[in-house]
Amino acid sequence: MPIERHIKHLRALAHSRKPVVSIGRNGLTEPVMEEIRKALDHHELVKIKVAIGDREQRDAAIHEICGQTGAELVQRVGFIATLFRRNPDKPVIELP
């Protein structure tokens, strides 16, 4: 997991970004997971809108996404989760 100064840096970078994937009433489907994987490969730092169920269901979906993609949860605010996964082939974000 990234250390605290990396988390702060990633939160600052994510502040102005918009969600690139939205999870709606159909939930966490395989096509949605594929879009999340592609977004993480390309951007490394992504915001995802998780507009399903209650807080526990959203937390479970975010946990499932992190487990399946190997991403780390940087922050969660309401319906928006910010995830980070380093692309070993082409790093995009420089960490302090």
N, C-alpha and C. Protein backbone atom coordinates (compact mmCIF):
# COMPACT_ATOMS: atom_id res chain seq x y z
N MET A 1 0.84 -1.19 0.00
CA MET A 1 0.00 0.00 0.00
C MET A 1 0.89 1.25 0.00
N PRO A 2 0.49 2.27 -0.75
CA PRO A 2 1.28 3.50 -0.75
C PRO A 2 1.36 4.12 0.65
N ILE A 3 2.49 4.74 0.93
CA ILE A 3 2.65 5.36 2.24
C ILE A 3 1.86 6.67 2.31
N GLU A 4 1.74 7.20 3.52
CA GLU A 4 0.87 8.36 3.76
C GLU A 4 1.18 9.57 2.89
N ARG A 5 2.44 9.87 2.65
CA ARG A 5 2.75 11.04 1.80
C ARG A 5 2.32 10.78 0.37
N HIS A 6 2.38 9.51 -0.08
CA HIS A 6 1.89 9.18 -1.41
C HIS A 6 0.38 9.36 -1.48
N ILE A 7 -0.31 8.95 -0.42
CA ILE A 7 -1.77 9.09 -0.37
C ILE A 7 -2.15 10.56 -0.47
N LYS A 8 -1.48 11.41 0.28
CA LYS A 8 -1.77 12.85 0.23
C LYS A 8 -1.53 13.41 -1.17
N HIS A 9 -0.45 13.00 -1.79
CA HIS A 9 -0.12 13.46 -3.14
C HIS A 9 -1.20 12.99 -4.13
N LEU A 10 -1.60 11.72 -4.02
CA LEU A 10 -2.62 11.17 -4.92
C LEU A 10 -3.97 11.85 -4.72
N ARG A 11 -4.33 12.15 -3.47
CA ARG A 11 -5.58 12.87 -3.20
C ARG A 11 -5.56 14.25 -3.86
N ALA A 12 -4.43 14.92 -3.77
CA ALA A 12 -4.32 16.25 -4.39
C ALA A 12 -4.45 16.15 -5.91
N LEU A 13 -3.82 15.15 -6.51
CA LEU A 13 -3.92 14.97 -7.95
C LEU A 13 -5.35 14.61 -8.38
N ALA A 14 -6.05 13.86 -7.55
CA ALA A 14 -7.39 13.39 -7.91
C ALA A 14 -8.45 14.46 -7.73
N HIS A 15 -8.14 15.49 -6.98
CA HIS A 15 -9.14 16.50 -6.64
C HIS A 15 -9.89 17.04 -7.85
N SER A 16 -9.19 17.37 -8.90
CA SER A 16 -9.83 18.00 -10.07
C SER A 16 -10.35 16.99 -11.08
N ARG A 17 -10.12 15.72 -10.86
CA ARG A 17 -10.55 14.70 -11.83
C ARG A 17 -12.03 14.36 -11.65
N LYS A 18 -12.63 13.93 -12.74
CA LYS A 18 -14.02 13.50 -12.76
C LYS A 18 -14.06 11.97 -12.79
N PRO A 19 -15.14 11.36 -12.31
CA PRO A 19 -15.25 9.90 -12.38
C PRO A 19 -15.20 9.42 -13.83
N VAL A 20 -14.44 8.35 -14.07
CA VAL A 20 -14.31 7.81 -15.42
C VAL A 20 -15.21 6.60 -15.64
N VAL A 21 -15.68 6.00 -14.56
CA VAL A 21 -16.57 4.85 -14.63
C VAL A 21 -17.67 5.06 -13.61
N SER A 22 -18.91 4.74 -14.00
CA SER A 22 -20.04 4.79 -13.08
C SER A 22 -20.66 3.41 -12.95
N ILE A 23 -20.91 3.02 -11.72
CA ILE A 23 -21.56 1.74 -11.46
C ILE A 23 -22.98 2.07 -11.02
N GLY A 24 -23.95 1.61 -11.78
CA GLY A 24 -25.35 1.94 -11.52
C GLY A 24 -26.16 0.74 -11.08
N ARG A 25 -27.41 0.73 -11.47
CA ARG A 25 -28.36 -0.27 -10.98
C ARG A 25 -28.00 -1.70 -11.36
N ASN A 26 -27.22 -1.89 -12.45
CA ASN A 26 -26.82 -3.25 -12.83
C ASN A 26 -25.68 -3.78 -11.98
N GLY A 27 -25.10 -2.93 -11.18
CA GLY A 27 -24.05 -3.36 -10.26
C GLY A 27 -22.71 -3.57 -10.93
N LEU A 28 -21.91 -4.39 -10.29
CA LEU A 28 -20.53 -4.63 -10.70
C LEU A 28 -20.48 -5.79 -11.70
N THR A 29 -20.67 -5.48 -12.97
CA THR A 29 -20.67 -6.50 -14.02
C THR A 29 -19.27 -6.66 -14.59
N GLU A 30 -19.05 -7.71 -15.34
CA GLU A 30 -17.73 -7.93 -15.95
C GLU A 30 -17.35 -6.81 -16.93
N PRO A 31 -18.28 -6.31 -17.77
CA PRO A 31 -17.90 -5.18 -18.63
C PRO A 31 -17.47 -3.94 -17.83
N VAL A 32 -18.11 -3.70 -16.71
CA VAL A 32 -17.72 -2.56 -15.85
C VAL A 32 -16.32 -2.81 -15.29
N MET A 33 -16.05 -4.03 -14.84
CA MET A 33 -14.72 -4.35 -14.32
C MET A 33 -13.66 -4.18 -15.40
N GLU A 34 -13.98 -4.55 -16.61
CA GLU A 34 -13.02 -4.39 -17.72
C GLU A 34 -12.73 -2.91 -17.97
N GLU A 35 -13.74 -2.07 -17.92
CA GLU A 35 -13.53 -0.62 -18.08
C GLU A 35 -12.66 -0.07 -16.95
N ILE A 36 -12.87 -0.54 -15.73
CA ILE A 36 -12.06 -0.09 -14.60
C ILE A 36 -10.61 -0.51 -14.81
N ARG A 37 -10.39 -1.76 -15.24
CA ARG A 37 -9.02 -2.23 -15.50
C ARG A 37 -8.33 -1.38 -16.57
N LYS A 38 -9.06 -1.09 -17.65
CA LYS A 38 -8.49 -0.26 -18.73
C LYS A 38 -8.16 1.14 -18.22
N ALA A 39 -9.07 1.73 -17.44
CA ALA A 39 -8.84 3.07 -16.90
C ALA A 39 -7.62 3.08 -15.98
N LEU A 40 -7.48 2.06 -15.14
CA LEU A 40 -6.32 1.99 -14.26
C LEU A 40 -5.03 1.81 -15.05
N ASP A 41 -5.07 0.99 -16.09
CA ASP A 41 -3.88 0.81 -16.93
C ASP A 41 -3.46 2.12 -17.57
N HIS A 42 -4.43 2.87 -18.05
CA HIS A 42 -4.14 4.10 -18.79
C HIS A 42 -3.82 5.28 -17.88
N HIS A 43 -4.59 5.45 -16.81
CA HIS A 43 -4.47 6.65 -15.96
C HIS A 43 -3.76 6.41 -14.63
N GLU A 44 -3.77 5.20 -14.12
CA GLU A 44 -3.26 4.81 -12.80
C GLU A 44 -4.13 5.33 -11.66
N LEU A 45 -4.56 6.56 -11.72
CA LEU A 45 -5.38 7.17 -10.67
C LEU A 45 -6.75 7.49 -11.27
N VAL A 46 -7.79 6.83 -10.76
CA VAL A 46 -9.12 7.02 -11.32
C VAL A 46 -10.16 7.21 -10.21
N LYS A 47 -11.19 7.95 -10.59
CA LYS A 47 -12.35 8.09 -9.72
C LYS A 47 -13.47 7.24 -10.32
N ILE A 48 -14.19 6.56 -9.44
CA ILE A 48 -15.31 5.72 -9.85
C ILE A 48 -16.53 6.13 -9.05
N LYS A 49 -17.65 6.32 -9.74
CA LYS A 49 -18.91 6.63 -9.06
C LYS A 49 -19.63 5.31 -8.80
N VAL A 50 -19.88 5.03 -7.53
CA VAL A 50 -20.53 3.79 -7.13
C VAL A 50 -21.92 4.15 -6.60
N ALA A 51 -22.90 4.17 -7.50
CA ALA A 51 -24.26 4.60 -7.15
C ALA A 51 -25.17 3.38 -6.98
N ILE A 52 -24.80 2.53 -6.04
CA ILE A 52 -25.61 1.34 -5.76
C ILE A 52 -25.89 1.24 -4.27
N GLY A 53 -27.09 0.78 -3.94
CA GLY A 53 -27.45 0.42 -2.57
C GLY A 53 -27.06 1.40 -1.50
N ASP A 54 -26.84 0.85 -0.32
CA ASP A 54 -26.49 1.66 0.84
C ASP A 54 -24.97 1.65 1.03
N ARG A 55 -24.51 2.25 2.11
CA ARG A 55 -23.08 2.40 2.36
C ARG A 55 -22.35 1.05 2.39
N GLU A 56 -22.95 0.05 3.04
CA GLU A 56 -22.31 -1.26 3.12
C GLU A 56 -22.16 -1.89 1.74
N GLN A 57 -23.17 -1.75 0.90
CA GLN A 57 -23.09 -2.30 -0.46
C GLN A 57 -22.04 -1.58 -1.29
N ARG A 58 -21.95 -0.26 -1.13
CA ARG A 58 -20.92 0.49 -1.84
C ARG A 58 -19.53 0.09 -1.37
N ASP A 59 -19.36 -0.05 -0.05
CA ASP A 59 -18.07 -0.47 0.50
C ASP A 59 -17.69 -1.86 -0.02
N ALA A 60 -18.67 -2.77 -0.07
CA ALA A 60 -18.41 -4.12 -0.56
C ALA A 60 -18.01 -4.10 -2.03
N ALA A 61 -18.67 -3.26 -2.83
CA ALA A 61 -18.33 -3.15 -4.26
C ALA A 61 -16.92 -2.59 -4.43
N ILE A 62 -16.57 -1.58 -3.67
CA ILE A 62 -15.23 -0.98 -3.75
C ILE A 62 -14.18 -2.01 -3.33
N HIS A 63 -14.46 -2.75 -2.28
CA HIS A 63 -13.55 -3.80 -1.82
C HIS A 63 -13.37 -4.86 -2.91
N GLU A 64 -14.45 -5.24 -3.56
CA GLU A 64 -14.40 -6.22 -4.65
C GLU A 64 -13.57 -5.70 -5.82
N ILE A 65 -13.76 -4.43 -6.17
CA ILE A 65 -12.99 -3.82 -7.27
C ILE A 65 -11.50 -3.86 -6.93
N CYS A 66 -11.15 -3.45 -5.72
CA CYS A 66 -9.74 -3.44 -5.32
C CYS A 66 -9.16 -4.85 -5.34
N GLY A 67 -9.95 -5.82 -4.88
CA GLY A 67 -9.48 -7.21 -4.87
C GLY A 67 -9.25 -7.76 -6.26
N GLN A 68 -10.16 -7.45 -7.19
CA GLN A 68 -10.05 -7.99 -8.54
C GLN A 68 -9.01 -7.27 -9.40
N THR A 69 -8.76 -5.99 -9.11
CA THR A 69 -7.85 -5.22 -9.97
C THR A 69 -6.47 -5.02 -9.36
N GLY A 70 -6.32 -5.24 -8.07
CA GLY A 70 -5.06 -4.99 -7.41
C GLY A 70 -4.84 -3.51 -7.11
N ALA A 71 -5.91 -2.72 -7.21
CA ALA A 71 -5.81 -1.29 -6.94
C ALA A 71 -5.90 -1.02 -5.44
N GLU A 72 -5.41 0.13 -5.04
CA GLU A 72 -5.49 0.59 -3.66
C GLU A 72 -6.53 1.70 -3.57
N LEU A 73 -7.32 1.67 -2.53
CA LEU A 73 -8.28 2.74 -2.29
C LEU A 73 -7.53 3.93 -1.71
N VAL A 74 -7.57 5.04 -2.41
CA VAL A 74 -6.91 6.27 -1.97
C VAL A 74 -7.86 7.03 -1.05
N GLN A 75 -9.13 7.10 -1.47
CA GLN A 75 -10.11 7.87 -0.71
C GLN A 75 -11.50 7.50 -1.18
N ARG A 76 -12.46 7.62 -0.27
CA ARG A 76 -13.86 7.44 -0.63
C ARG A 76 -14.64 8.57 0.02
N VAL A 77 -15.39 9.30 -0.82
CA VAL A 77 -16.23 10.38 -0.33
C VAL A 77 -17.61 10.18 -0.94
N GLY A 78 -18.57 9.82 -0.11
CA GLY A 78 -19.92 9.59 -0.60
C GLY A 78 -19.96 8.46 -1.61
N PHE A 79 -20.40 8.79 -2.82
CA PHE A 79 -20.53 7.80 -3.88
C PHE A 79 -19.27 7.65 -4.73
N ILE A 80 -18.25 8.46 -4.45
CA ILE A 80 -17.04 8.50 -5.28
C ILE A 80 -15.87 7.82 -4.57
N ALA A 81 -15.26 6.86 -5.27
CA ALA A 81 -14.06 6.19 -4.77
C ALA A 81 -12.90 6.55 -5.68
N THR A 82 -11.76 6.86 -5.09
CA THR A 82 -10.55 7.14 -5.84
C THR A 82 -9.61 5.96 -5.66
N LEU A 83 -9.19 5.37 -6.78
CA LEU A 83 -8.33 4.19 -6.76
C LEU A 83 -7.02 4.47 -7.48
N PHE A 84 -5.97 3.78 -7.03
CA PHE A 84 -4.66 3.91 -7.64
C PHE A 84 -4.07 2.52 -7.86
N ARG A 85 -3.53 2.32 -9.05
CA ARG A 85 -2.76 1.11 -9.34
C ARG A 85 -1.64 1.49 -10.30
N ARG A 86 -0.42 1.24 -9.88
CA ARG A 86 0.76 1.56 -10.68
C ARG A 86 0.77 0.68 -11.93
N ASN A 87 1.06 1.30 -13.07
CA ASN A 87 1.25 0.57 -14.32
C ASN A 87 2.75 0.29 -14.43
N PRO A 88 3.16 -0.98 -14.25
CA PRO A 88 4.60 -1.27 -14.23
C PRO A 88 5.29 -1.04 -15.58
N ASP A 89 4.54 -1.14 -16.68
CA ASP A 89 5.13 -0.96 -18.01
C ASP A 89 5.33 0.50 -18.37
N LYS A 90 4.32 1.34 -18.05
CA LYS A 90 4.38 2.76 -18.40
C LYS A 90 3.86 3.59 -17.22
N PRO A 91 4.69 3.84 -16.19
CA PRO A 91 4.21 4.67 -15.08
C PRO A 91 3.79 6.05 -15.58
N VAL A 92 2.64 6.51 -15.11
CA VAL A 92 2.07 7.79 -15.54
C VAL A 92 2.29 8.84 -14.46
N ILE A 93 2.09 8.46 -13.21
CA ILE A 93 2.16 9.40 -12.09
C ILE A 93 3.47 9.22 -11.35
N GLU A 94 4.12 10.35 -11.14
CA GLU A 94 5.38 10.33 -10.38
C GLU A 94 5.05 10.53 -8.90
N LEU A 95 5.46 9.58 -8.07
CA LEU A 95 5.20 9.68 -6.64
C LEU A 95 6.39 10.34 -5.95
N PRO A 96 6.12 11.13 -4.92
CA PRO A 96 7.22 11.80 -4.21
C PRO A 96 8.09 10.83 -3.43
